[in-house]
Structures are given as structure tokens and as C-alpha cells.
Amino acid sequence: MERGIFITFEGTDGSGKTTQIEILKTVLEKMGYNCIFTREPGGTLLGEELRKIILSKDFGNMLPETEAMLYAACRAQHVEEVIRPALKQGKVVLCDRYIDSSVAYQKYGRKLGSMVEKINEFAIHGTMPDKTFLLMLDPNKSKDRIVRELDRLESEPYEYHDRVYKGYEKIAEENPDRVVRIDGEKSIECIAEIIIEEVRKII
């Protein structure tokens, strides 16, 4: 494999992304592929520190613009330090959230508009996923699946999460070749089958 494969997982909170990443990673490794798992915000030493700030309720007065730029800064470091080197080594990169999260949560959720895409294009320098799995779960049901204490973004009101949900729908509509939209209420096994079948098409 001359270049690795970049697969991202997106979706509303509590939709089961982490579970599906673990399943896919296990399947691919059994097939002989070298996989790495990473996440956003985070993925690097700097990114994990920024994650604490971004998600902390201590910063409830954070401006939407500040939030968007912190995510982009974290992503720039992530791409340069982790994602791009792994792809050059021919690895399969499985990432929990990426640029689509910023579009959904900041462009649509925070109503920041096109500036979100502009700063993220600068951050990633063309490093886009080969395939994105979008697990969709109604905002009313999302919080019920989260057993830990809600973070700053998860604690936002329903109206915000509804805008995020609709933002993800627009992302899927605008990127049909890359984004595979999956009903998050399907069984874990059913979702895994859909994902594995799609991945087989690109490996």
C-alpha cells in the first residue's frame, strides 16, 4: 500500500462511534492491516491539553470564534504530527471526529458560517478522509446514552444540538461519495456490517 487509508467517524454524541471504531480496527488488523486509532480534539500531546480546555465547563464563557480556532489549531497539529506521517507509512488511520465535526458544531451549531471551513482548510492542507461514517442519533436520545458527566458542548441546550444534527445531514447530502450516513439506532452488529462492507470497497 503506497498510501494509507484515512477513515473518520462522525456523529451526534452517544451514537456509538467509539464502539464501531474498535470493531473495525479489530477486523482490519486480523486482515493484516496496520491500523492506528486517534481522536479529535486530541491525538497529540498539545491536542490533548487543548481538549481539556475546549470541553471544560470552567470555560463556559468561551466565544464561538475562540472555540472554532482552538479546534482548528488542535487539528493542524494532529495532521502534521500523526495523521499525515501514518498515511505516508501506509497505515490505516481511524479517527474519532475530524473536520466534519467543526462544520457541524461550529458552522451550523454556533452559526459561524463559512469561516469555519476556511480556517480548517488552512489547518489540514488538503488532508481529507477517504471515507467518513456518520452515525446519526436524534438529539433527544443522545444524552440518554452518555453515562458520564456531560462536558461543555454536551451540556448545550437542545436547540444547539438540533442545529448540529441538521448540519450533519447537510454534510452528508453535499458529500455523497465520501460520507456514509448510518442510523445510530440500528444494532451494533448491523452498523458494523455496513461499515465493514463499505471499507472493503476501498482497501
N, C-alpha and C. Protein backbone atom coordinates (compact mmCIF):
# COMPACT_ATOMS: atom_id res chain seq x y z
N MET A 1 0.85 -1.18 0.00
CA MET A 1 0.00 0.00 0.00
C MET A 1 0.89 1.25 0.00
N GLU A 2 0.90 2.01 -1.12
CA GLU A 2 1.76 3.17 -1.24
C GLU A 2 1.31 4.30 -0.32
N ARG A 3 0.04 4.47 -0.19
CA ARG A 3 -0.50 5.47 0.73
C ARG A 3 -1.54 4.79 1.59
N GLY A 4 -1.58 5.17 2.86
CA GLY A 4 -2.55 4.57 3.75
C GLY A 4 -3.96 5.01 3.44
N ILE A 5 -4.88 4.59 4.28
CA ILE A 5 -6.30 4.94 4.12
C ILE A 5 -6.74 5.72 5.36
N PHE A 6 -7.45 6.80 5.13
CA PHE A 6 -7.88 7.68 6.19
C PHE A 6 -9.40 7.56 6.34
N ILE A 7 -9.84 7.00 7.47
CA ILE A 7 -11.26 6.79 7.73
C ILE A 7 -11.67 7.56 8.99
N THR A 8 -12.70 8.36 8.87
CA THR A 8 -13.17 9.12 10.03
C THR A 8 -14.57 8.68 10.44
N PHE A 9 -14.85 8.87 11.71
CA PHE A 9 -16.15 8.55 12.28
C PHE A 9 -16.75 9.83 12.86
N GLU A 10 -17.95 10.14 12.42
CA GLU A 10 -18.63 11.36 12.86
C GLU A 10 -20.00 11.01 13.40
N GLY A 11 -20.60 11.98 14.06
CA GLY A 11 -21.97 11.76 14.51
C GLY A 11 -22.30 12.49 15.78
N THR A 12 -23.55 12.42 16.12
CA THR A 12 -24.03 13.05 17.33
C THR A 12 -23.49 12.31 18.55
N ASP A 13 -23.50 12.98 19.69
CA ASP A 13 -22.97 12.38 20.92
C ASP A 13 -23.77 11.15 21.29
N GLY A 14 -23.07 10.11 21.75
CA GLY A 14 -23.74 8.89 22.17
C GLY A 14 -24.19 7.98 21.04
N SER A 15 -23.71 8.25 19.83
CA SER A 15 -24.17 7.47 18.67
C SER A 15 -23.41 6.16 18.47
N GLY A 16 -22.37 5.92 19.26
CA GLY A 16 -21.66 4.65 19.20
C GLY A 16 -20.41 4.64 18.33
N LYS A 17 -19.84 5.80 18.09
CA LYS A 17 -18.64 5.88 17.25
C LYS A 17 -17.48 5.04 17.78
N THR A 18 -17.20 5.20 19.06
CA THR A 18 -16.05 4.52 19.66
C THR A 18 -16.16 3.00 19.53
N THR A 19 -17.34 2.48 19.79
CA THR A 19 -17.58 1.03 19.67
C THR A 19 -17.30 0.55 18.26
N GLN A 20 -17.77 1.30 17.27
CA GLN A 20 -17.59 0.89 15.87
C GLN A 20 -16.14 1.00 15.43
N ILE A 21 -15.43 1.98 15.94
CA ILE A 21 -14.01 2.09 15.62
C ILE A 21 -13.25 0.88 16.14
N GLU A 22 -13.56 0.48 17.36
CA GLU A 22 -12.90 -0.68 17.97
C GLU A 22 -13.16 -1.95 17.17
N ILE A 23 -14.41 -2.11 16.72
CA ILE A 23 -14.76 -3.29 15.93
C ILE A 23 -14.00 -3.30 14.61
N LEU A 24 -14.02 -2.16 13.92
CA LEU A 24 -13.36 -2.08 12.61
C LEU A 24 -11.85 -2.29 12.75
N LYS A 25 -11.26 -1.70 13.77
CA LYS A 25 -9.81 -1.85 13.99
C LYS A 25 -9.45 -3.33 14.17
N THR A 26 -10.25 -4.04 14.95
CA THR A 26 -10.01 -5.46 15.18
C THR A 26 -10.10 -6.26 13.89
N VAL A 27 -11.13 -5.96 13.09
CA VAL A 27 -11.34 -6.67 11.82
C VAL A 27 -10.18 -6.41 10.87
N LEU A 28 -9.78 -5.15 10.73
CA LEU A 28 -8.71 -4.80 9.80
C LEU A 28 -7.36 -5.40 10.22
N GLU A 29 -7.11 -5.40 11.51
CA GLU A 29 -5.84 -5.98 11.99
C GLU A 29 -5.79 -7.47 11.74
N LYS A 30 -6.93 -8.15 11.86
CA LYS A 30 -6.98 -9.58 11.55
C LYS A 30 -6.73 -9.83 10.06
N MET A 31 -7.04 -8.82 9.24
CA MET A 31 -6.82 -8.93 7.80
C MET A 31 -5.38 -8.57 7.43
N GLY A 32 -4.61 -8.14 8.43
CA GLY A 32 -3.21 -7.84 8.19
C GLY A 32 -2.86 -6.38 8.00
N TYR A 33 -3.84 -5.50 8.21
CA TYR A 33 -3.57 -4.07 8.04
C TYR A 33 -3.03 -3.46 9.33
N ASN A 34 -2.12 -2.52 9.17
CA ASN A 34 -1.55 -1.79 10.29
C ASN A 34 -2.42 -0.57 10.55
N CYS A 35 -3.14 -0.57 11.67
CA CYS A 35 -4.09 0.49 11.97
C CYS A 35 -3.65 1.32 13.17
N ILE A 36 -4.00 2.59 13.13
CA ILE A 36 -3.84 3.42 14.31
C ILE A 36 -5.18 4.08 14.62
N PHE A 37 -5.47 4.23 15.89
CA PHE A 37 -6.68 4.92 16.33
C PHE A 37 -6.28 6.25 16.93
N THR A 38 -6.98 7.30 16.55
CA THR A 38 -6.73 8.61 17.13
C THR A 38 -8.05 9.36 17.25
N ARG A 39 -8.02 10.54 17.86
CA ARG A 39 -9.28 11.24 18.10
C ARG A 39 -9.10 12.75 18.07
N GLU A 40 -10.22 13.43 17.90
CA GLU A 40 -10.24 14.88 17.99
C GLU A 40 -11.41 15.33 18.85
N PRO A 41 -11.25 16.43 19.59
CA PRO A 41 -9.97 17.09 19.78
C PRO A 41 -9.02 16.18 20.55
N GLY A 42 -7.74 16.29 20.25
CA GLY A 42 -6.74 15.44 20.90
C GLY A 42 -5.78 14.87 19.89
N GLY A 43 -5.31 13.66 20.16
CA GLY A 43 -4.44 12.97 19.23
C GLY A 43 -2.96 13.24 19.37
N THR A 44 -2.62 14.36 19.97
CA THR A 44 -1.22 14.71 20.22
C THR A 44 -1.12 15.23 21.65
N LEU A 45 0.10 15.40 22.13
CA LEU A 45 0.28 15.94 23.48
C LEU A 45 -0.35 17.32 23.59
N LEU A 46 -0.08 18.17 22.61
CA LEU A 46 -0.69 19.50 22.60
C LEU A 46 -2.20 19.41 22.45
N GLY A 47 -2.64 18.53 21.56
CA GLY A 47 -4.07 18.39 21.30
C GLY A 47 -4.86 17.94 22.51
N GLU A 48 -4.28 17.04 23.30
CA GLU A 48 -4.98 16.55 24.49
C GLU A 48 -5.11 17.66 25.54
N GLU A 49 -4.11 18.55 25.60
CA GLU A 49 -4.21 19.68 26.52
C GLU A 49 -5.28 20.66 26.04
N LEU A 50 -5.33 20.89 24.74
CA LEU A 50 -6.37 21.76 24.18
C LEU A 50 -7.75 21.14 24.37
N ARG A 51 -7.84 19.83 24.31
CA ARG A 51 -9.11 19.13 24.51
C ARG A 51 -9.68 19.45 25.90
N LYS A 52 -8.81 19.43 26.89
CA LYS A 52 -9.25 19.73 28.25
C LYS A 52 -9.87 21.12 28.34
N ILE A 53 -9.24 22.07 27.66
CA ILE A 53 -9.75 23.45 27.67
C ILE A 53 -11.06 23.55 26.91
N ILE A 54 -11.10 22.98 25.71
CA ILE A 54 -12.28 23.08 24.85
C ILE A 54 -13.53 22.49 25.52
N LEU A 55 -13.37 21.34 26.19
CA LEU A 55 -14.52 20.63 26.74
C LEU A 55 -14.85 20.97 28.19
N SER A 56 -13.97 21.73 28.84
CA SER A 56 -14.16 22.05 30.25
C SER A 56 -15.30 23.05 30.49
N LYS A 57 -16.11 22.75 31.48
CA LYS A 57 -17.19 23.67 31.86
C LYS A 57 -16.64 24.93 32.54
N ASP A 58 -15.36 24.90 32.89
CA ASP A 58 -14.73 26.08 33.50
C ASP A 58 -14.66 27.24 32.53
N PHE A 59 -14.80 26.93 31.24
CA PHE A 59 -14.71 27.97 30.22
C PHE A 59 -16.05 28.15 29.51
N GLY A 60 -17.10 28.27 30.31
CA GLY A 60 -18.44 28.43 29.76
C GLY A 60 -18.64 29.72 29.00
N ASN A 61 -17.75 30.69 29.21
CA ASN A 61 -17.86 31.98 28.52
C ASN A 61 -17.02 32.03 27.25
N MET A 62 -16.50 30.88 26.81
CA MET A 62 -15.67 30.84 25.60
C MET A 62 -16.45 31.31 24.39
N LEU A 63 -15.87 32.22 23.63
CA LEU A 63 -16.52 32.71 22.42
C LEU A 63 -16.58 31.61 21.36
N PRO A 64 -17.63 31.57 20.55
CA PRO A 64 -17.70 30.59 19.47
C PRO A 64 -16.49 30.68 18.53
N GLU A 65 -16.02 31.90 18.27
CA GLU A 65 -14.85 32.08 17.40
C GLU A 65 -13.60 31.47 18.03
N THR A 66 -13.45 31.66 19.33
CA THR A 66 -12.31 31.07 20.05
C THR A 66 -12.37 29.55 19.97
N GLU A 67 -13.56 29.02 20.21
CA GLU A 67 -13.76 27.57 20.15
C GLU A 67 -13.36 27.01 18.79
N ALA A 68 -13.83 27.67 17.72
CA ALA A 68 -13.54 27.20 16.37
C ALA A 68 -12.05 27.22 16.07
N MET A 69 -11.36 28.26 16.51
CA MET A 69 -9.93 28.36 16.24
C MET A 69 -9.11 27.38 17.08
N LEU A 70 -9.57 27.09 18.29
CA LEU A 70 -8.89 26.09 19.10
C LEU A 70 -9.00 24.70 18.46
N TYR A 71 -10.17 24.39 17.94
CA TYR A 71 -10.35 23.11 17.25
C TYR A 71 -9.42 23.03 16.03
N ALA A 72 -9.35 24.13 15.26
CA ALA A 72 -8.52 24.14 14.07
C ALA A 72 -7.05 24.03 14.42
N ALA A 73 -6.62 24.69 15.50
CA ALA A 73 -5.23 24.61 15.94
C ALA A 73 -4.87 23.19 16.35
N CYS A 74 -5.78 22.57 17.09
CA CYS A 74 -5.59 21.18 17.51
C CYS A 74 -5.48 20.27 16.29
N ARG A 75 -6.31 20.53 15.29
CA ARG A 75 -6.33 19.70 14.08
C ARG A 75 -5.05 19.87 13.26
N ALA A 76 -4.56 21.08 13.16
CA ALA A 76 -3.33 21.32 12.41
C ALA A 76 -2.18 20.51 12.98
N GLN A 77 -2.05 20.51 14.30
CA GLN A 77 -1.00 19.75 14.98
C GLN A 77 -1.19 18.25 14.76
N HIS A 78 -2.45 17.82 14.83
CA HIS A 78 -2.81 16.42 14.67
C HIS A 78 -2.44 15.90 13.28
N VAL A 79 -2.78 16.68 12.27
CA VAL A 79 -2.49 16.28 10.89
C VAL A 79 -0.99 16.17 10.66
N GLU A 80 -0.26 17.18 11.11
CA GLU A 80 1.19 17.22 10.88
C GLU A 80 1.94 16.16 11.67
N GLU A 81 1.50 15.93 12.90
CA GLU A 81 2.25 15.06 13.81
C GLU A 81 1.84 13.59 13.74
N VAL A 82 0.58 13.33 13.44
CA VAL A 82 0.07 11.96 13.50
C VAL A 82 -0.50 11.45 12.18
N ILE A 83 -1.50 12.15 11.64
CA ILE A 83 -2.26 11.62 10.51
C ILE A 83 -1.43 11.49 9.25
N ARG A 84 -0.81 12.58 8.81
CA ARG A 84 -0.06 12.54 7.56
C ARG A 84 1.12 11.57 7.62
N PRO A 85 1.91 11.54 8.70
CA PRO A 85 3.01 10.56 8.77
C PRO A 85 2.52 9.11 8.69
N ALA A 86 1.39 8.82 9.36
CA ALA A 86 0.85 7.46 9.34
C ALA A 86 0.41 7.06 7.94
N LEU A 87 -0.20 7.99 7.23
CA LEU A 87 -0.64 7.71 5.86
C LEU A 87 0.55 7.48 4.94
N LYS A 88 1.62 8.24 5.14
CA LYS A 88 2.82 8.06 4.33
C LYS A 88 3.45 6.69 4.57
N GLN A 89 3.23 6.14 5.77
CA GLN A 89 3.77 4.82 6.12
C GLN A 89 2.84 3.70 5.69
N GLY A 90 1.74 4.05 5.02
CA GLY A 90 0.82 3.04 4.51
C GLY A 90 -0.15 2.49 5.54
N LYS A 91 -0.32 3.18 6.64
CA LYS A 91 -1.22 2.70 7.70
C LYS A 91 -2.66 3.12 7.44
N VAL A 92 -3.59 2.42 8.12
CA VAL A 92 -5.00 2.79 8.09
C VAL A 92 -5.24 3.66 9.33
N VAL A 93 -5.64 4.89 9.11
CA VAL A 93 -5.89 5.82 10.21
C VAL A 93 -7.39 5.87 10.49
N LEU A 94 -7.76 5.50 11.72
CA LEU A 94 -9.15 5.54 12.16
C LEU A 94 -9.28 6.69 13.15
N CYS A 95 -10.05 7.69 12.79
CA CYS A 95 -10.11 8.90 13.61
C CYS A 95 -11.53 9.19 14.10
N ASP A 96 -11.66 9.35 15.40
CA ASP A 96 -12.93 9.70 16.03
C ASP A 96 -13.09 11.22 15.96
N ARG A 97 -13.86 11.68 14.99
CA ARG A 97 -14.13 13.08 14.67
C ARG A 97 -12.97 13.71 13.89
N TYR A 98 -13.36 14.63 12.98
CA TYR A 98 -12.37 15.35 12.19
C TYR A 98 -13.04 16.65 11.72
N ILE A 99 -12.72 17.08 10.52
CA ILE A 99 -13.18 18.39 10.05
C ILE A 99 -14.70 18.52 9.99
N ASP A 100 -15.40 17.42 9.71
CA ASP A 100 -16.87 17.50 9.64
C ASP A 100 -17.48 17.90 10.98
N SER A 101 -16.81 17.55 12.07
CA SER A 101 -17.31 17.95 13.39
C SER A 101 -17.29 19.46 13.54
N SER A 102 -16.23 20.09 13.05
CA SER A 102 -16.16 21.55 13.14
C SER A 102 -17.25 22.19 12.30
N VAL A 103 -17.48 21.64 11.12
CA VAL A 103 -18.54 22.19 10.26
C VAL A 103 -19.90 22.04 10.95
N ALA A 104 -20.17 20.86 11.50
CA ALA A 104 -21.46 20.62 12.15
C ALA A 104 -21.63 21.43 13.43
N TYR A 105 -20.61 21.40 14.29
CA TYR A 105 -20.73 22.01 15.61
C TYR A 105 -20.48 23.52 15.63
N GLN A 106 -19.54 23.98 14.78
CA GLN A 106 -19.26 25.41 14.80
C GLN A 106 -19.95 26.18 13.66
N LYS A 107 -19.90 25.66 12.45
CA LYS A 107 -20.57 26.37 11.35
C LYS A 107 -22.07 26.40 11.56
N TYR A 108 -22.65 25.22 11.83
CA TYR A 108 -24.10 25.15 11.99
C TYR A 108 -24.54 25.33 13.44
N GLY A 109 -23.92 24.61 14.36
CA GLY A 109 -24.32 24.72 15.76
C GLY A 109 -24.11 26.10 16.33
N ARG A 110 -22.93 26.69 16.07
CA ARG A 110 -22.61 28.03 16.58
C ARG A 110 -22.98 29.14 15.60
N LYS A 111 -23.43 28.77 14.42
CA LYS A 111 -23.84 29.72 13.39
C LYS A 111 -22.69 30.64 12.94
N LEU A 112 -21.49 30.07 12.80
CA LEU A 112 -20.33 30.87 12.42
C LEU A 112 -20.13 31.00 10.91
N GLY A 113 -20.85 30.19 10.15
CA GLY A 113 -20.78 30.33 8.70
C GLY A 113 -19.50 29.80 8.07
N SER A 114 -19.17 30.33 6.89
CA SER A 114 -18.11 29.79 6.05
C SER A 114 -16.70 29.96 6.63
N MET A 115 -16.54 30.82 7.63
CA MET A 115 -15.20 31.00 8.21
C MET A 115 -14.67 29.70 8.81
N VAL A 116 -15.57 28.83 9.24
CA VAL A 116 -15.15 27.56 9.83
C VAL A 116 -14.41 26.71 8.79
N GLU A 117 -14.96 26.60 7.60
CA GLU A 117 -14.29 25.84 6.55
C GLU A 117 -12.97 26.48 6.15
N LYS A 118 -12.92 27.79 6.13
CA LYS A 118 -11.71 28.49 5.71
C LYS A 118 -10.54 28.21 6.66
N ILE A 119 -10.78 28.32 7.96
CA ILE A 119 -9.68 28.11 8.91
C ILE A 119 -9.27 26.64 8.96
N ASN A 120 -10.21 25.75 8.69
CA ASN A 120 -9.88 24.33 8.72
C ASN A 120 -9.18 23.88 7.45
N GLU A 121 -9.48 24.50 6.32
CA GLU A 121 -8.75 24.22 5.10
C GLU A 121 -7.29 24.59 5.28
N PHE A 122 -7.06 25.71 5.97
CA PHE A 122 -5.70 26.15 6.27
C PHE A 122 -5.02 25.16 7.21
N ALA A 123 -5.78 24.59 8.13
CA ALA A 123 -5.22 23.68 9.14
C ALA A 123 -4.84 22.32 8.56
N ILE A 124 -5.62 21.79 7.62
CA ILE A 124 -5.38 20.42 7.16
C ILE A 124 -4.59 20.32 5.86
N HIS A 125 -4.48 21.41 5.12
CA HIS A 125 -3.70 21.42 3.87
C HIS A 125 -4.06 20.25 2.96
N GLY A 126 -5.35 20.03 2.77
CA GLY A 126 -5.79 19.04 1.80
C GLY A 126 -5.89 17.61 2.29
N THR A 127 -5.59 17.38 3.56
CA THR A 127 -5.65 16.01 4.09
C THR A 127 -7.10 15.68 4.48
N MET A 128 -7.82 15.10 3.53
CA MET A 128 -9.22 14.75 3.74
C MET A 128 -9.40 13.24 3.84
N PRO A 129 -10.44 12.80 4.55
CA PRO A 129 -10.69 11.36 4.69
C PRO A 129 -11.05 10.70 3.36
N ASP A 130 -10.69 9.42 3.24
CA ASP A 130 -11.11 8.64 2.09
C ASP A 130 -12.57 8.22 2.25
N LYS A 131 -12.96 7.99 3.50
CA LYS A 131 -14.34 7.60 3.80
C LYS A 131 -14.71 8.09 5.20
N THR A 132 -15.94 8.54 5.33
CA THR A 132 -16.45 9.01 6.62
C THR A 132 -17.74 8.30 6.95
N PHE A 133 -17.80 7.73 8.14
CA PHE A 133 -19.03 7.08 8.61
C PHE A 133 -19.72 8.00 9.59
N LEU A 134 -20.93 8.38 9.22
CA LEU A 134 -21.71 9.33 10.01
C LEU A 134 -22.84 8.61 10.73
N LEU A 135 -22.69 8.46 12.05
CA LEU A 135 -23.70 7.78 12.86
C LEU A 135 -24.65 8.82 13.44
N MET A 136 -25.89 8.74 13.02
CA MET A 136 -26.87 9.76 13.40
C MET A 136 -27.84 9.24 14.46
N LEU A 137 -27.98 10.03 15.52
CA LEU A 137 -28.90 9.70 16.60
C LEU A 137 -29.61 10.97 17.00
N ASP A 138 -30.93 10.90 17.13
CA ASP A 138 -31.72 12.07 17.48
C ASP A 138 -31.19 12.70 18.77
N PRO A 139 -31.05 14.04 18.78
CA PRO A 139 -30.51 14.74 19.96
C PRO A 139 -31.25 14.41 21.25
N ASN A 140 -32.54 14.14 21.16
CA ASN A 140 -33.32 13.81 22.35
C ASN A 140 -32.85 12.49 22.98
N LYS A 141 -32.29 11.61 22.16
CA LYS A 141 -31.86 10.30 22.64
C LYS A 141 -30.36 10.24 22.95
N SER A 142 -29.63 11.22 22.42
CA SER A 142 -28.17 11.20 22.57
C SER A 142 -27.73 11.25 24.02
N LYS A 143 -28.25 12.21 24.77
CA LYS A 143 -27.81 12.41 26.15
C LYS A 143 -28.14 11.20 27.03
N ASP A 144 -29.21 10.49 26.68
CA ASP A 144 -29.61 9.33 27.48
C ASP A 144 -28.55 8.22 27.42
N ARG A 145 -27.73 8.21 26.37
CA ARG A 145 -26.71 7.17 26.20
C ARG A 145 -25.40 7.52 26.90
N ILE A 146 -25.25 8.77 27.31
CA ILE A 146 -24.00 9.20 27.93
C ILE A 146 -24.08 9.00 29.44
N VAL A 147 -23.27 8.10 29.97
CA VAL A 147 -23.36 7.74 31.39
C VAL A 147 -22.45 8.59 32.27
N ARG A 148 -21.42 9.22 31.68
CA ARG A 148 -20.54 10.07 32.48
C ARG A 148 -21.12 11.49 32.57
N GLU A 149 -20.41 12.36 33.28
CA GLU A 149 -20.85 13.75 33.38
C GLU A 149 -20.70 14.43 32.02
N LEU A 150 -21.69 15.22 31.63
CA LEU A 150 -21.67 15.89 30.33
C LEU A 150 -20.59 16.96 30.30
N ASP A 151 -19.89 17.08 29.16
CA ASP A 151 -18.89 18.13 29.02
C ASP A 151 -19.55 19.44 28.58
N ARG A 152 -18.73 20.45 28.30
CA ARG A 152 -19.26 21.78 27.99
C ARG A 152 -20.17 21.78 26.77
N LEU A 153 -19.77 21.10 25.70
CA LEU A 153 -20.58 21.08 24.50
C LEU A 153 -21.81 20.19 24.65
N GLU A 154 -21.64 19.06 25.30
CA GLU A 154 -22.77 18.15 25.50
C GLU A 154 -23.86 18.79 26.36
N SER A 155 -23.47 19.75 27.19
CA SER A 155 -24.42 20.40 28.09
C SER A 155 -25.22 21.52 27.43
N GLU A 156 -24.89 21.81 26.17
CA GLU A 156 -25.63 22.87 25.46
C GLU A 156 -27.10 22.47 25.29
N PRO A 157 -27.99 23.46 25.15
CA PRO A 157 -29.42 23.17 25.02
C PRO A 157 -29.79 22.41 23.75
N TYR A 158 -30.99 21.86 23.75
CA TYR A 158 -31.47 21.05 22.63
C TYR A 158 -31.36 21.78 21.31
N GLU A 159 -31.67 23.08 21.29
CA GLU A 159 -31.68 23.85 20.04
C GLU A 159 -30.32 23.81 19.36
N TYR A 160 -29.28 23.89 20.15
CA TYR A 160 -27.91 23.82 19.61
C TYR A 160 -27.66 22.45 18.98
N HIS A 161 -27.99 21.40 19.70
CA HIS A 161 -27.75 20.04 19.20
C HIS A 161 -28.63 19.72 18.00
N ASP A 162 -29.78 20.34 17.93
CA ASP A 162 -30.65 20.15 16.77
C ASP A 162 -30.02 20.79 15.53
N ARG A 163 -29.39 21.94 15.70
CA ARG A 163 -28.68 22.58 14.59
C ARG A 163 -27.49 21.73 14.14
N VAL A 164 -26.80 21.13 15.11
CA VAL A 164 -25.69 20.24 14.78
C VAL A 164 -26.18 19.04 13.97
N TYR A 165 -27.27 18.45 14.42
CA TYR A 165 -27.86 17.30 13.74
C TYR A 165 -28.21 17.64 12.29
N LYS A 166 -28.87 18.78 12.11
CA LYS A 166 -29.24 19.20 10.76
C LYS A 166 -28.01 19.56 9.93
N GLY A 167 -26.97 20.06 10.61
CA GLY A 167 -25.72 20.36 9.93
C GLY A 167 -25.08 19.10 9.38
N TYR A 168 -25.09 18.05 10.18
CA TYR A 168 -24.55 16.77 9.72
C TYR A 168 -25.34 16.24 8.52
N GLU A 169 -26.64 16.43 8.54
CA GLU A 169 -27.46 15.99 7.41
C GLU A 169 -27.04 16.70 6.13
N LYS A 170 -26.74 18.00 6.24
CA LYS A 170 -26.30 18.77 5.07
C LYS A 170 -24.94 18.29 4.59
N ILE A 171 -24.06 17.98 5.52
CA ILE A 171 -22.73 17.48 5.16
C ILE A 171 -22.86 16.18 4.36
N ALA A 172 -23.74 15.29 4.81
CA ALA A 172 -23.95 14.01 4.12
C ALA A 172 -24.52 14.23 2.73
N GLU A 173 -25.46 15.17 2.62
CA GLU A 173 -26.07 15.46 1.31
C GLU A 173 -25.05 16.03 0.33
N GLU A 174 -24.13 16.85 0.85
CA GLU A 174 -23.17 17.53 -0.02
C GLU A 174 -21.95 16.67 -0.36
N ASN A 175 -21.76 15.57 0.37
CA ASN A 175 -20.59 14.71 0.14
C ASN A 175 -20.99 13.23 0.03
N PRO A 176 -21.84 12.91 -0.92
CA PRO A 176 -22.37 11.54 -1.01
C PRO A 176 -21.32 10.48 -1.32
N ASP A 177 -20.23 10.84 -1.99
CA ASP A 177 -19.21 9.85 -2.34
C ASP A 177 -18.31 9.51 -1.15
N ARG A 178 -18.19 10.43 -0.21
CA ARG A 178 -17.31 10.22 0.94
C ARG A 178 -18.05 9.81 2.19
N VAL A 179 -19.21 10.41 2.43
CA VAL A 179 -19.92 10.22 3.70
C VAL A 179 -20.99 9.14 3.59
N VAL A 180 -20.90 8.17 4.50
CA VAL A 180 -21.91 7.10 4.59
C VAL A 180 -22.75 7.37 5.83
N ARG A 181 -23.99 7.75 5.63
CA ARG A 181 -24.89 8.07 6.74
C ARG A 181 -25.53 6.79 7.27
N ILE A 182 -25.45 6.58 8.58
CA ILE A 182 -25.98 5.35 9.19
C ILE A 182 -26.89 5.71 10.36
N ASP A 183 -28.02 5.05 10.45
CA ASP A 183 -28.95 5.24 11.56
C ASP A 183 -28.32 4.71 12.85
N GLY A 184 -28.07 5.60 13.79
CA GLY A 184 -27.43 5.23 15.04
C GLY A 184 -28.27 4.34 15.94
N GLU A 185 -29.55 4.17 15.59
CA GLU A 185 -30.43 3.32 16.40
C GLU A 185 -30.38 1.86 15.96
N LYS A 186 -29.71 1.60 14.84
CA LYS A 186 -29.54 0.20 14.42
C LYS A 186 -28.68 -0.53 15.43
N SER A 187 -28.72 -1.85 15.41
CA SER A 187 -27.92 -2.63 16.35
C SER A 187 -26.43 -2.46 16.07
N ILE A 188 -25.62 -2.70 17.08
CA ILE A 188 -24.17 -2.60 16.93
C ILE A 188 -23.69 -3.51 15.80
N GLU A 189 -24.23 -4.71 15.73
CA GLU A 189 -23.83 -5.67 14.72
C GLU A 189 -24.21 -5.21 13.31
N CYS A 190 -25.39 -4.64 13.18
CA CYS A 190 -25.87 -4.17 11.87
C CYS A 190 -25.01 -3.00 11.38
N ILE A 191 -24.72 -2.07 12.27
CA ILE A 191 -23.88 -0.93 11.90
C ILE A 191 -22.49 -1.40 11.49
N ALA A 192 -21.94 -2.34 12.26
CA ALA A 192 -20.61 -2.88 11.96
C ALA A 192 -20.57 -3.52 10.58
N GLU A 193 -21.61 -4.25 10.22
CA GLU A 193 -21.67 -4.91 8.92
C GLU A 193 -21.65 -3.89 7.79
N ILE A 194 -22.41 -2.81 7.97
CA ILE A 194 -22.47 -1.75 6.96
C ILE A 194 -21.08 -1.13 6.77
N ILE A 195 -20.43 -0.83 7.89
CA ILE A 195 -19.11 -0.19 7.86
C ILE A 195 -18.07 -1.09 7.21
N ILE A 196 -18.03 -2.34 7.62
CA ILE A 196 -17.04 -3.28 7.08
C ILE A 196 -17.23 -3.48 5.58
N GLU A 197 -18.49 -3.58 5.14
CA GLU A 197 -18.77 -3.74 3.73
C GLU A 197 -18.26 -2.54 2.91
N GLU A 198 -18.47 -1.34 3.46
CA GLU A 198 -18.02 -0.13 2.76
C GLU A 198 -16.50 -0.04 2.73
N VAL A 199 -15.86 -0.43 3.82
CA VAL A 199 -14.40 -0.35 3.90
C VAL A 199 -13.76 -1.33 2.93
N ARG A 200 -14.37 -2.49 2.74
CA ARG A 200 -13.83 -3.47 1.81
C ARG A 200 -13.74 -2.91 0.39
N LYS A 201 -14.57 -1.93 0.09
CA LYS A 201 -14.58 -1.34 -1.25
C LYS A 201 -13.36 -0.44 -1.51
N ILE A 202 -12.72 0.01 -0.43
CA ILE A 202 -11.62 0.98 -0.62
C ILE A 202 -10.25 0.46 -0.19
N ILE A 203 -10.22 -0.75 0.38
CA ILE A 203 -8.90 -1.28 0.79
C ILE A 203 -8.31 -2.20 -0.28
